Amino acid sequence: MRVKQGYNDGTGRVIGVAFEIEETTIADIQAAFASGELTSKQLVLKYMQRIADHDKSGLLVNSVLAVNPDALFIAEAMDRERETTGARGPLHGIPVLLKDNVDTGDKMPTSAGSLALADSYAPEDAFIVRKLREAGAVILGKANMTEFANMMTEGMPSGYSSRGGQVMNPYNISTPTGGSSAGSGVAVAANFCAAAVGTETSGSILNPSNLCSVVGIKPTVGLLSRTGILPLSNSQDTAGPMARTVTDAVLLLQAMTGYDERDAAMGGGIGKQPEDYRAFLDPAGLQGARIGIPRDYYFEELTEEQLAIFDRAVGIMRDMGATIVESANIVTARSIVYSTVLLNEFKASLNAYLSKLGPGAPMRTLKEIIAFNHEHPVETLKYGQKTLINAEYHSSGTLTDVRYLNDRATDIRLCKEEGIDATMKEHRLDALLFPADFGSRLAARAGYPSIAVPAGYTEAGPAFGVAFTARAYEEPTLIRLAYAFEQGTKFRRPPSLKSFIG
């Protein structure tokens, strides 16, 4: 546990100690709660101060878009409940940030980073937010993100939104944050929260997790409810946890699980999920595991430095008892090209989401958002809105476009059936191992899970990780592998938060 000297609470009493929040884990926090050395209210204040010192001044990484005005009240209520009836579980009193496309039925809007939706308040919590509150988590605020999950335009840097501005990488502000869950990744990396929720359609959790040296779990599509999340793609969207350790990510994942009849994607997972994902946190999880490496295609853009980091990770896994299957290549990899699925599903999904916000919603359709941006070009169109326009005017919104239907079927065949499924069956694999997020598009189109884990750092500062991928609902296997690798290496280190540009 990380502590400093005691301090006065303003009444003349010295209560506890000044708990050090940098790199603290949820277990550390709960131990401090249990001993009386820390309260949830004090912890929220500490995170708020750190956000003020480093996110909104100092290095100015700009990852937090909004702080929940009720966070301190909620934390105080959790403290009182702990005193009177005990803790609900491991997330009781734990401050969590949400990506700004996750609905909260409170005093914070859900904007997906868009000024057009800056006053868009959801009528109720997203299903996963309700589950987090039931677990006792304190919703600390909303994290900045790439506007509309990078469906705004072409050429816009990851982590930029018209409402929130540019998120910066705390390891080196001259390098990318990754996206679209940029704010969630950076906030976790910089210790502005205990953990965060991101969302992924095609790399949006794995990409910033790798570049920000955090653990990101992209679950099977249908494992977590998408109800109340501003969408991009009905077939590929999922929420997922981002944390500094595999254990903390698993705690967040566990809290968000639960069946939601309003999300049709959840039906495929009935009976396939364990009771508690924490049971798979096995430090010996790599022993006897068969891990395949698709050397063809996915390594072509690696620098020598990145390849060295990856190969070191592979060597460590081999030393920890894993059988490494080299050249477990995805034979369809080079055939997985541009697909119109996201463009078509974005319009249909977004319009459906907006229609449920009620008659007072500021925007009811994608077309209205485009019009708002045209009317406020200086504020909203720094990089244009080419993708929004393409989605509105080059897709029917009914998912009847011939190319969409063909592309959807092709994605399933190439990525799932003839891709991951075929390779894992041929080589009898427990998982595939990719450098960083380079396999994210493949897993995303298949709807399959992945876990990103820190594996080292480049000379310029930004992190480089590895990602384990498997088939649908094989999160338990991925958790075993990721946890064992993390515990055997512990590569993650915090950013200095000094004003450095490499």
Protein backbone atom coordinates (compact mmCIF):
# COMPACT_ATOMS: atom_id res chain seq x y z
CA MET A 1 0.00 0.00 0.00
CA ARG A 2 1.28 3.47 -0.88
CA VAL A 3 0.88 6.05 1.90
CA LYS A 4 2.30 9.33 3.00
CA GLN A 5 2.01 11.35 6.19
CA GLY A 6 -1.31 11.85 7.98
CA TYR A 7 -3.42 15.00 7.61
CA ASN A 8 -6.15 16.91 9.42
CA ASP A 9 -9.76 16.63 8.25
CA GLY A 10 -10.59 20.20 9.32
CA THR A 11 -12.07 19.27 12.71
CA GLY A 12 -8.82 18.87 14.57
CA ARG A 13 -8.80 15.11 14.01
CA VAL A 14 -6.03 13.46 12.07
CA ILE A 15 -7.78 10.79 10.07
CA GLY A 16 -5.73 8.17 8.33
CA VAL A 17 -2.89 9.00 6.02
CA ALA A 18 -2.41 10.71 2.69
CA PHE A 19 -2.80 7.71 0.41
CA GLU A 20 -0.55 7.79 -2.67
CA ILE A 21 -2.71 7.17 -5.74
CA GLU A 22 -0.01 6.75 -8.37
CA GLU A 23 -0.07 3.16 -9.68
CA THR A 24 -2.34 2.04 -6.87
CA THR A 25 -4.53 -0.97 -7.53
CA ILE A 26 -8.14 -1.59 -6.63
CA ALA A 27 -6.94 -4.09 -4.02
CA ASP A 28 -4.66 -1.41 -2.51
CA ILE A 29 -7.57 0.99 -2.34
CA GLN A 30 -9.92 -1.52 -0.76
CA ALA A 31 -7.30 -2.38 1.87
CA ALA A 32 -7.00 1.32 2.71
CA PHE A 33 -10.78 1.63 2.89
CA ALA A 34 -11.03 -1.40 5.18
CA SER A 35 -8.33 -0.13 7.55
CA GLY A 36 -9.87 3.34 7.81
CA GLU A 37 -6.80 4.96 6.25
CA LEU A 38 -8.79 6.27 3.28
CA THR A 39 -12.36 7.07 2.32
CA SER A 40 -13.94 7.07 -1.11
CA LYS A 41 -14.62 10.78 -0.78
CA GLN A 42 -10.95 11.47 -0.06
CA LEU A 43 -9.95 9.31 -3.01
CA VAL A 44 -12.26 11.18 -5.39
CA LEU A 45 -10.76 14.45 -4.19
CA LYS A 46 -7.26 13.12 -4.84
CA TYR A 47 -8.15 12.14 -8.40
CA MET A 48 -9.81 15.50 -8.97
CA GLN A 49 -6.65 17.24 -7.77
CA ARG A 50 -4.45 15.12 -10.00
CA ILE A 51 -6.70 15.90 -12.98
CA ALA A 52 -6.37 19.60 -12.18
CA ASP A 53 -2.58 19.38 -11.83
CA HIS A 54 -1.77 17.28 -14.89
CA ASP A 55 -4.75 16.93 -17.20
CA LYS A 56 -5.96 20.54 -17.20
CA SER A 57 -2.60 22.17 -16.44
CA GLY A 58 1.02 21.05 -16.34
CA LEU A 59 1.52 18.57 -19.16
CA LEU A 60 -2.11 19.21 -20.21
CA VAL A 61 -2.91 15.78 -21.63
CA ASN A 62 -6.62 16.65 -21.83
CA SER A 63 -8.05 13.17 -21.28
CA VAL A 64 -10.97 14.03 -18.99
CA LEU A 65 -13.90 15.68 -20.75
CA ALA A 66 -16.21 16.10 -17.75
CA VAL A 67 -16.16 15.48 -14.00
CA ASN A 68 -19.38 14.19 -12.50
CA PRO A 69 -20.83 17.00 -10.34
CA ASP A 70 -22.27 14.35 -8.02
CA ALA A 71 -19.09 12.27 -7.67
CA LEU A 72 -18.28 13.48 -4.17
CA PHE A 73 -21.85 12.97 -2.98
CA ILE A 74 -21.88 9.43 -4.38
CA ALA A 75 -18.52 8.68 -2.78
CA GLU A 76 -19.74 9.98 0.58
CA ALA A 77 -22.81 7.76 0.30
CA MET A 78 -20.59 4.76 -0.44
CA ASP A 79 -18.50 5.58 2.62
CA ARG A 80 -21.59 5.73 4.80
CA GLU A 81 -22.91 2.47 3.39
CA ARG A 82 -19.58 0.78 4.08
CA GLU A 83 -19.79 1.91 7.70
CA THR A 84 -23.37 0.77 8.21
CA THR A 85 -23.90 -2.36 6.10
CA GLY A 86 -20.47 -3.19 4.67
CA ALA A 87 -18.95 -3.10 1.21
CA ARG A 88 -20.88 -4.41 -1.79
CA GLY A 89 -17.78 -5.87 -3.39
CA PRO A 90 -14.37 -4.99 -4.87
CA LEU A 91 -15.64 -1.90 -6.73
CA HIS A 92 -17.35 -0.32 -3.72
CA GLY A 93 -16.28 3.33 -3.62
CA ILE A 94 -13.91 2.96 -6.60
CA PRO A 95 -13.77 6.00 -8.98
CA VAL A 96 -14.25 5.01 -12.64
CA LEU A 97 -14.22 7.12 -15.80
CA LEU A 98 -16.51 6.38 -18.75
CA LYS A 99 -15.83 7.06 -22.39
CA ASP A 100 -18.04 9.91 -23.57
CA ASN A 101 -20.24 7.65 -25.68
CA VAL A 102 -21.59 5.78 -22.65
CA ASP A 103 -24.91 7.09 -21.33
CA THR A 104 -25.37 8.26 -17.78
CA GLY A 105 -28.81 9.31 -16.60
CA ASP A 106 -27.37 12.11 -14.50
CA LYS A 107 -26.04 15.64 -14.94
CA MET A 108 -23.46 14.75 -17.61
CA PRO A 109 -24.27 14.73 -21.34
CA THR A 110 -23.24 11.93 -23.68
CA SER A 111 -21.73 13.60 -26.73
CA ALA A 112 -19.22 11.20 -28.34
CA GLY A 113 -16.99 14.28 -28.41
CA SER A 114 -19.35 16.22 -30.69
CA LEU A 115 -20.36 19.82 -30.04
CA ALA A 116 -23.62 19.00 -31.77
CA LEU A 117 -24.40 16.68 -28.85
CA ALA A 118 -22.91 18.81 -26.09
CA ASP A 119 -26.37 19.24 -24.56
CA SER A 120 -27.58 15.69 -25.20
CA TYR A 121 -28.59 14.12 -21.88
CA ALA A 122 -29.57 10.46 -21.79
CA PRO A 123 -32.84 9.56 -20.07
CA GLU A 124 -31.21 6.69 -18.16
CA ASP A 125 -27.93 4.94 -17.44
CA ALA A 126 -26.49 2.54 -19.97
CA PHE A 127 -26.96 -1.06 -18.82
CA ILE A 128 -23.26 -1.42 -17.96
CA VAL A 129 -23.33 1.85 -15.98
CA ARG A 130 -26.28 0.57 -13.97
CA LYS A 131 -24.27 -2.56 -13.22
CA LEU A 132 -21.27 -0.47 -12.14
CA ARG A 133 -23.41 1.60 -9.81
CA GLU A 134 -24.95 -1.56 -8.36
CA ALA A 135 -21.40 -2.76 -7.66
CA GLY A 136 -20.73 0.45 -5.74
CA ALA A 137 -18.47 2.18 -8.27
CA VAL A 138 -18.31 5.97 -8.27
CA ILE A 139 -18.76 7.38 -11.77
CA LEU A 140 -16.03 10.02 -11.66
CA GLY A 141 -16.71 11.56 -15.07
CA LYS A 142 -16.47 11.17 -18.83
CA ALA A 143 -13.29 10.66 -20.82
CA ASN A 144 -12.51 12.49 -24.06
CA MET A 145 -12.48 10.42 -27.25
CA THR A 146 -11.96 10.58 -30.98
CA GLU A 147 -15.14 12.25 -32.17
CA PHE A 148 -17.84 9.76 -33.15
CA ALA A 149 -15.27 7.00 -32.65
CA ASN A 150 -13.35 8.17 -35.72
CA MET A 151 -16.41 8.21 -37.98
CA MET A 152 -16.28 12.00 -38.26
CA THR A 153 -13.89 12.42 -41.17
CA GLU A 154 -10.63 11.30 -42.75
CA GLY A 155 -7.24 12.54 -41.57
CA MET A 156 -8.34 13.59 -38.09
CA PRO A 157 -5.78 12.62 -35.42
CA SER A 158 -6.76 10.00 -32.89
CA GLY A 159 -7.99 11.51 -29.63
CA TYR A 160 -9.38 14.70 -31.18
CA SER A 161 -12.94 15.90 -30.69
CA SER A 162 -14.60 19.24 -31.36
CA ARG A 163 -16.05 19.28 -27.85
CA GLY A 164 -12.99 18.11 -25.95
CA GLY A 165 -10.00 19.06 -28.08
CA GLN A 166 -6.89 16.92 -28.52
CA VAL A 167 -5.90 14.19 -26.06
CA MET A 168 -2.12 13.87 -25.67
CA ASN A 169 0.02 10.82 -24.99
CA PRO A 170 1.57 11.29 -21.51
CA TYR A 171 4.62 9.21 -22.44
CA ASN A 172 5.50 11.64 -25.23
CA ILE A 173 3.04 14.30 -26.31
CA SER A 174 4.48 14.39 -29.82
CA THR A 175 3.29 10.83 -30.51
CA PRO A 176 -0.26 9.48 -30.99
CA THR A 177 -2.60 8.40 -28.19
CA GLY A 178 -4.41 5.86 -30.27
CA GLY A 179 -8.17 5.85 -30.40
CA SER A 180 -10.99 6.11 -30.25
CA SER A 181 -10.89 5.39 -26.49
CA ALA A 182 -8.00 7.82 -26.18
CA GLY A 183 -9.17 9.62 -23.06
CA SER A 184 -9.90 6.38 -21.25
CA GLY A 185 -6.44 5.00 -22.02
CA VAL A 186 -4.57 8.18 -21.16
CA ALA A 187 -6.54 8.78 -17.95
CA VAL A 188 -5.75 5.29 -16.71
CA ALA A 189 -2.09 5.57 -17.72
CA ALA A 190 -1.71 8.94 -16.00
CA ASN A 191 -3.49 7.79 -12.82
CA PHE A 192 -6.52 10.07 -13.10
CA CYS A 193 -8.87 7.24 -12.09
CA ALA A 194 -8.74 3.73 -10.74
CA ALA A 195 -9.97 2.30 -14.05
CA ALA A 196 -11.98 3.32 -17.09
CA VAL A 197 -14.49 2.02 -19.57
CA GLY A 198 -13.70 2.21 -23.28
CA THR A 199 -15.53 0.97 -26.33
CA GLU A 200 -14.26 -0.77 -29.42
CA THR A 201 -15.54 -1.29 -32.93
CA SER A 202 -12.21 -1.96 -34.64
CA GLY A 203 -9.19 -1.36 -32.41
CA SER A 204 -10.57 1.43 -30.24
CA ILE A 205 -9.68 -0.27 -26.95
CA LEU A 206 -6.61 -2.22 -28.07
CA ASN A 207 -4.98 0.67 -29.93
CA PRO A 208 -4.87 3.24 -27.06
CA SER A 209 -4.15 0.49 -24.53
CA ASN A 210 -1.01 -0.45 -26.41
CA LEU A 211 0.16 3.14 -26.95
CA CYS A 212 -0.60 4.15 -23.34
CA SER A 213 0.82 1.05 -21.61
CA VAL A 214 -2.41 -0.15 -20.03
CA VAL A 215 -4.38 -3.37 -20.05
CA GLY A 216 -7.40 -3.32 -22.34
CA ILE A 217 -9.98 -6.09 -22.66
CA LYS A 218 -12.03 -6.10 -25.85
CA PRO A 219 -14.71 -8.69 -25.08
CA THR A 220 -16.66 -10.93 -27.41
CA VAL A 221 -19.45 -8.92 -29.05
CA GLY A 222 -22.47 -9.83 -26.94
CA LEU A 223 -20.62 -10.44 -23.67
CA LEU A 224 -21.44 -6.94 -22.39
CA SER A 225 -24.64 -5.05 -23.13
CA ARG A 226 -24.46 -2.18 -25.64
CA THR A 227 -27.80 -0.67 -24.55
CA GLY A 228 -27.25 3.01 -23.81
CA ILE A 229 -23.98 3.33 -25.69
CA LEU A 230 -23.85 5.77 -28.60
CA PRO A 231 -23.13 3.34 -31.42
CA LEU A 232 -20.97 2.97 -34.47
CA SER A 233 -21.67 -0.56 -35.65
CA ASN A 234 -24.36 -2.93 -34.48
CA SER A 235 -22.30 -5.94 -35.52
CA GLN A 236 -18.93 -4.95 -34.04
CA ASP A 237 -19.46 -2.56 -31.08
CA THR A 238 -18.60 -3.58 -27.54
CA ALA A 239 -17.62 -1.87 -24.32
CA GLY A 240 -14.61 -3.07 -22.35
CA PRO A 241 -12.43 -2.27 -19.34
CA MET A 242 -9.12 -0.41 -19.38
CA ALA A 243 -6.89 -0.56 -16.30
CA ARG A 244 -3.30 -0.59 -15.14
CA THR A 245 -3.37 -4.28 -14.26
CA VAL A 246 -5.08 -7.38 -15.60
CA THR A 247 -6.69 -7.95 -12.21
CA ASP A 248 -8.28 -4.51 -12.15
CA ALA A 249 -9.50 -4.89 -15.73
CA VAL A 250 -11.09 -8.23 -14.80
CA LEU A 251 -12.79 -6.69 -11.76
CA LEU A 252 -14.34 -4.05 -13.99
CA LEU A 253 -15.33 -6.64 -16.60
CA GLN A 254 -16.98 -8.81 -13.96
CA ALA A 255 -19.00 -5.90 -12.61
CA MET A 256 -20.37 -5.00 -16.04
CA THR A 257 -21.58 -8.48 -16.97
CA GLY A 258 -25.23 -9.45 -16.89
CA TYR A 259 -27.93 -10.40 -19.36
CA ASP A 260 -29.76 -7.57 -21.10
CA GLU A 261 -32.76 -8.67 -23.13
CA ARG A 262 -32.72 -5.37 -25.02
CA ASP A 263 -29.42 -6.24 -26.72
CA ALA A 264 -30.02 -9.05 -29.21
CA ALA A 265 -26.29 -9.79 -29.41
CA MET A 266 -26.33 -11.20 -25.89
CA GLY A 267 -28.43 -14.23 -26.80
CA GLY A 268 -25.48 -16.05 -28.32
CA GLY A 269 -23.60 -16.04 -25.03
CA ILE A 270 -26.23 -17.70 -22.86
CA GLY A 271 -24.58 -20.49 -20.90
CA LYS A 272 -21.09 -19.69 -22.19
CA GLN A 273 -19.95 -17.31 -19.48
CA PRO A 274 -18.30 -18.28 -16.19
CA GLU A 275 -19.73 -17.16 -12.90
CA ASP A 276 -16.64 -15.17 -11.98
CA TYR A 277 -13.80 -14.17 -14.30
CA ARG A 278 -11.50 -13.66 -11.31
CA ALA A 279 -11.11 -17.44 -11.09
CA PHE A 280 -8.88 -17.31 -14.18
CA LEU A 281 -6.23 -15.01 -12.73
CA ASP A 282 -3.61 -17.76 -12.76
CA PRO A 283 0.10 -16.83 -12.53
CA ALA A 284 0.94 -20.19 -14.10
CA GLY A 285 -1.51 -19.65 -16.93
CA LEU A 286 1.13 -19.83 -19.67
CA GLN A 287 2.29 -23.32 -18.74
CA GLY A 288 1.24 -25.75 -21.45
CA ALA A 289 -0.53 -23.10 -23.51
CA ARG A 290 -0.24 -23.24 -27.29
CA ILE A 291 0.17 -19.72 -28.69
CA GLY A 292 0.28 -19.08 -32.41
CA ILE A 293 2.06 -16.18 -34.07
CA PRO A 294 0.78 -15.04 -37.48
CA ARG A 295 4.14 -13.85 -38.79
CA ASP A 296 2.85 -13.26 -42.30
CA TYR A 297 1.30 -9.84 -43.00
CA TYR A 298 0.87 -8.58 -39.43
CA PHE A 299 4.58 -7.86 -38.91
CA GLU A 300 5.29 -5.97 -42.11
CA GLU A 301 4.93 -2.48 -40.58
CA LEU A 302 6.91 -3.15 -37.41
CA THR A 303 10.11 -1.23 -36.80
CA GLU A 304 13.19 -3.16 -35.69
CA GLU A 305 12.70 -1.74 -32.22
CA GLN A 306 9.09 -2.90 -32.03
CA LEU A 307 9.98 -6.33 -33.39
CA ALA A 308 12.66 -6.69 -30.73
CA ILE A 309 10.12 -5.87 -28.00
CA PHE A 310 7.67 -8.40 -29.42
CA ASP A 311 10.27 -11.16 -29.78
CA ARG A 312 11.44 -10.57 -26.22
CA ALA A 313 7.84 -11.06 -25.06
CA VAL A 314 7.59 -14.29 -27.04
CA GLY A 315 10.80 -15.55 -25.47
CA ILE A 316 9.48 -14.82 -22.01
CA MET A 317 6.27 -16.73 -22.73
CA ARG A 318 8.30 -19.70 -23.95
CA ASP A 319 10.40 -19.58 -20.78
CA MET A 320 7.18 -19.54 -18.74
CA GLY A 321 6.04 -22.81 -20.26
CA ALA A 322 4.12 -21.84 -23.38
CA THR A 323 4.49 -23.70 -26.65
CA ILE A 324 5.04 -21.08 -29.34
CA VAL A 325 3.75 -22.02 -32.78
CA GLU A 326 5.62 -19.84 -35.25
CA SER A 327 4.03 -18.92 -38.57
CA ALA A 328 0.49 -19.75 -37.50
CA ASN A 329 -0.55 -17.55 -40.38
CA ILE A 330 -4.03 -16.28 -41.16
CA VAL A 331 -4.35 -17.40 -44.77
CA THR A 332 -7.10 -14.84 -45.45
CA ALA A 333 -5.20 -11.89 -43.94
CA ARG A 334 -4.31 -10.24 -47.25
CA SER A 335 -7.89 -10.62 -48.48
CA ILE A 336 -9.38 -8.64 -45.60
CA VAL A 337 -9.68 -5.24 -47.27
CA TYR A 338 -11.99 -2.23 -47.04
CA SER A 339 -15.52 -3.08 -45.97
CA THR A 340 -18.64 -0.89 -46.12
CA VAL A 341 -20.11 -2.48 -43.00
CA LEU A 342 -19.20 0.32 -40.62
CA LEU A 343 -20.32 3.11 -42.93
CA ASN A 344 -23.73 1.51 -43.44
CA GLU A 345 -24.29 0.44 -39.85
CA PHE A 346 -23.24 3.79 -38.43
CA LYS A 347 -26.12 5.68 -40.00
CA ALA A 348 -28.72 3.09 -39.03
CA SER A 349 -27.36 2.62 -35.50
CA LEU A 350 -26.88 6.30 -34.72
CA ASN A 351 -30.33 7.29 -35.94
CA ALA A 352 -31.89 4.52 -33.84
CA TYR A 353 -29.96 5.70 -30.76
CA LEU A 354 -30.92 9.36 -31.27
CA SER A 355 -34.58 8.48 -31.73
CA LYS A 356 -34.72 7.07 -28.19
CA LEU A 357 -33.45 10.19 -26.44
CA GLY A 358 -36.90 11.76 -26.22
CA PRO A 359 -38.57 14.80 -27.79
CA GLY A 360 -36.25 17.27 -26.07
CA ALA A 361 -33.07 15.85 -27.59
CA PRO A 362 -31.02 18.50 -29.43
CA MET A 363 -30.30 16.18 -32.37
CA ARG A 364 -32.63 13.48 -33.69
CA THR A 365 -30.79 12.30 -36.81
CA LEU A 366 -27.36 12.12 -38.41
CA LYS A 367 -28.57 14.64 -40.98
CA GLU A 368 -29.27 17.18 -38.20
CA ILE A 369 -25.76 16.71 -36.80
CA ILE A 370 -24.25 17.37 -40.24
CA ALA A 371 -26.37 20.51 -40.57
CA PHE A 372 -25.29 21.73 -37.10
CA ASN A 373 -21.65 21.29 -38.05
CA HIS A 374 -22.18 23.24 -41.28
CA GLU A 375 -23.69 26.06 -39.25
CA HIS A 376 -20.73 26.12 -36.82
CA PRO A 377 -17.73 25.34 -39.05
CA VAL A 378 -15.07 27.12 -37.01
CA GLU A 379 -15.93 25.18 -33.88
CA THR A 380 -16.76 21.78 -35.39
CA LEU A 381 -15.07 21.32 -38.76
CA LYS A 382 -11.37 21.68 -38.08
CA TYR A 383 -10.85 18.44 -40.00
CA GLY A 384 -14.16 18.36 -41.89
CA GLN A 385 -16.95 15.79 -41.74
CA LYS A 386 -16.38 13.72 -44.84
CA THR A 387 -17.23 10.39 -43.21
CA LEU A 388 -20.45 11.69 -41.67
CA ILE A 389 -21.54 12.95 -45.08
CA ASN A 390 -20.62 9.67 -46.75
CA ALA A 391 -22.61 7.73 -44.16
CA GLU A 392 -25.66 9.94 -44.62
CA TYR A 393 -25.72 10.21 -48.39
CA HIS A 394 -23.97 7.03 -49.58
CA SER A 395 -25.85 4.48 -47.49
CA SER A 396 -29.56 3.76 -47.32
CA GLY A 397 -29.81 3.48 -43.55
CA THR A 398 -31.86 0.32 -44.07
CA LEU A 399 -28.94 -2.12 -44.44
CA THR A 400 -30.25 -3.26 -47.82
CA ASP A 401 -27.30 -2.02 -49.87
CA VAL A 402 -25.97 -4.87 -51.99
CA ARG A 403 -22.35 -4.18 -51.16
CA TYR A 404 -23.10 -3.98 -47.43
CA LEU A 405 -24.81 -7.37 -47.46
CA ASN A 406 -21.94 -8.91 -49.41
CA ASP A 407 -19.30 -7.26 -47.21
CA ARG A 408 -20.94 -8.44 -44.00
CA ALA A 409 -20.98 -12.04 -45.20
CA THR A 410 -17.40 -11.73 -46.49
CA ASP A 411 -16.16 -10.33 -43.17
CA ILE A 412 -17.60 -13.28 -41.27
CA ARG A 413 -16.14 -15.79 -43.71
CA LEU A 414 -12.64 -14.30 -44.01
CA CYS A 415 -12.13 -13.15 -40.43
CA LYS A 416 -14.03 -15.76 -38.48
CA GLU A 417 -14.59 -19.03 -40.32
CA GLU A 418 -11.59 -19.11 -42.67
CA GLY A 419 -9.51 -16.77 -40.51
CA ILE A 420 -9.23 -17.14 -36.73
CA ASP A 421 -11.31 -20.33 -36.48
CA ALA A 422 -9.41 -22.18 -39.19
CA THR A 423 -5.96 -21.15 -37.93
CA MET A 424 -6.65 -22.01 -34.30
CA LYS A 425 -8.13 -25.37 -35.26
CA GLU A 426 -5.29 -26.27 -37.62
CA HIS A 427 -2.58 -25.55 -35.06
CA ARG A 428 -4.59 -26.56 -31.97
CA LEU A 429 -4.08 -23.13 -30.42
CA ASP A 430 -5.27 -21.61 -27.18
CA ALA A 431 -4.72 -18.13 -28.56
CA LEU A 432 -3.13 -16.04 -31.27
CA LEU A 433 -0.53 -13.43 -30.34
CA PHE A 434 -0.30 -10.16 -32.25
CA PRO A 435 2.12 -7.24 -31.93
CA ALA A 436 0.26 -4.29 -30.42
CA ASP A 437 -3.22 -3.91 -31.97
CA PHE A 438 -2.22 -5.13 -35.43
CA GLY A 439 -4.78 -7.94 -35.39
CA SER A 440 -7.63 -5.80 -34.08
CA ARG A 441 -9.44 -5.46 -37.41
CA LEU A 442 -9.46 -9.24 -37.84
CA ALA A 443 -10.85 -9.89 -34.34
CA ALA A 444 -13.30 -7.00 -34.58
CA ARG A 445 -14.95 -8.24 -37.77
CA ALA A 446 -15.17 -11.72 -36.29
CA GLY A 447 -16.66 -10.33 -33.07
CA TYR A 448 -13.93 -12.11 -31.09
CA PRO A 449 -12.16 -11.12 -27.84
CA SER A 450 -8.66 -9.77 -27.34
CA ILE A 451 -6.59 -8.55 -24.40
CA ALA A 452 -3.76 -6.02 -24.73
CA VAL A 453 -0.92 -6.14 -22.20
CA PRO A 454 2.14 -3.85 -21.88
CA ALA A 455 5.33 -5.41 -23.25
CA GLY A 456 7.83 -2.55 -23.16
CA TYR A 457 8.66 0.93 -24.43
CA THR A 458 10.25 2.41 -27.48
CA GLU A 459 13.19 4.77 -27.17
CA ALA A 460 10.95 7.77 -27.94
CA GLY A 461 8.76 6.90 -24.98
CA PRO A 462 5.47 5.44 -26.23
CA ALA A 463 4.61 1.97 -25.13
CA PHE A 464 4.40 -1.16 -27.20
CA GLY A 465 2.33 -4.15 -26.16
CA VAL A 466 1.09 -7.52 -27.23
CA ALA A 467 -2.48 -8.66 -27.79
CA PHE A 468 -3.86 -12.13 -27.15
CA THR A 469 -6.84 -13.11 -29.33
CA ALA A 470 -9.12 -16.15 -29.26
CA ARG A 471 -12.58 -17.30 -30.31
CA ALA A 472 -15.95 -16.16 -29.00
CA TYR A 473 -16.39 -16.34 -25.21
CA GLU A 474 -12.85 -17.58 -24.64
CA GLU A 475 -12.09 -14.66 -22.32
CA PRO A 476 -11.13 -17.09 -19.50
CA THR A 477 -8.24 -18.42 -21.59
CA LEU A 478 -7.12 -14.93 -22.56
CA ILE A 479 -7.25 -13.77 -18.94
CA ARG A 480 -5.05 -16.69 -17.84
CA LEU A 481 -2.47 -15.95 -20.52
CA ALA A 482 -2.47 -12.18 -20.05
CA TYR A 483 -2.28 -12.38 -16.27
CA ALA A 484 0.57 -14.86 -16.30
CA PHE A 485 2.54 -12.74 -18.77
CA GLU A 486 1.92 -9.59 -16.75
CA GLN A 487 2.92 -11.20 -13.48
CA GLY A 488 6.06 -12.65 -15.03
CA THR A 489 7.19 -9.34 -16.52
CA LYS A 490 5.50 -6.31 -14.93
CA PHE A 491 6.72 -4.11 -17.76
CA ARG A 492 4.30 -1.26 -17.11
CA ARG A 493 5.73 1.95 -15.68
CA PRO A 494 3.87 5.25 -15.21
CA PRO A 495 4.53 8.30 -17.37
CA SER A 496 6.54 11.08 -15.76
CA LEU A 497 3.96 13.75 -16.69
CA LYS A 498 6.78 16.19 -17.28
CA SER A 499 6.59 18.61 -20.20
CA PHE A 500 8.76 16.59 -22.55
CA ILE A 501 8.64 16.37 -26.32
CA GLY A 502 10.93 13.84 -27.97
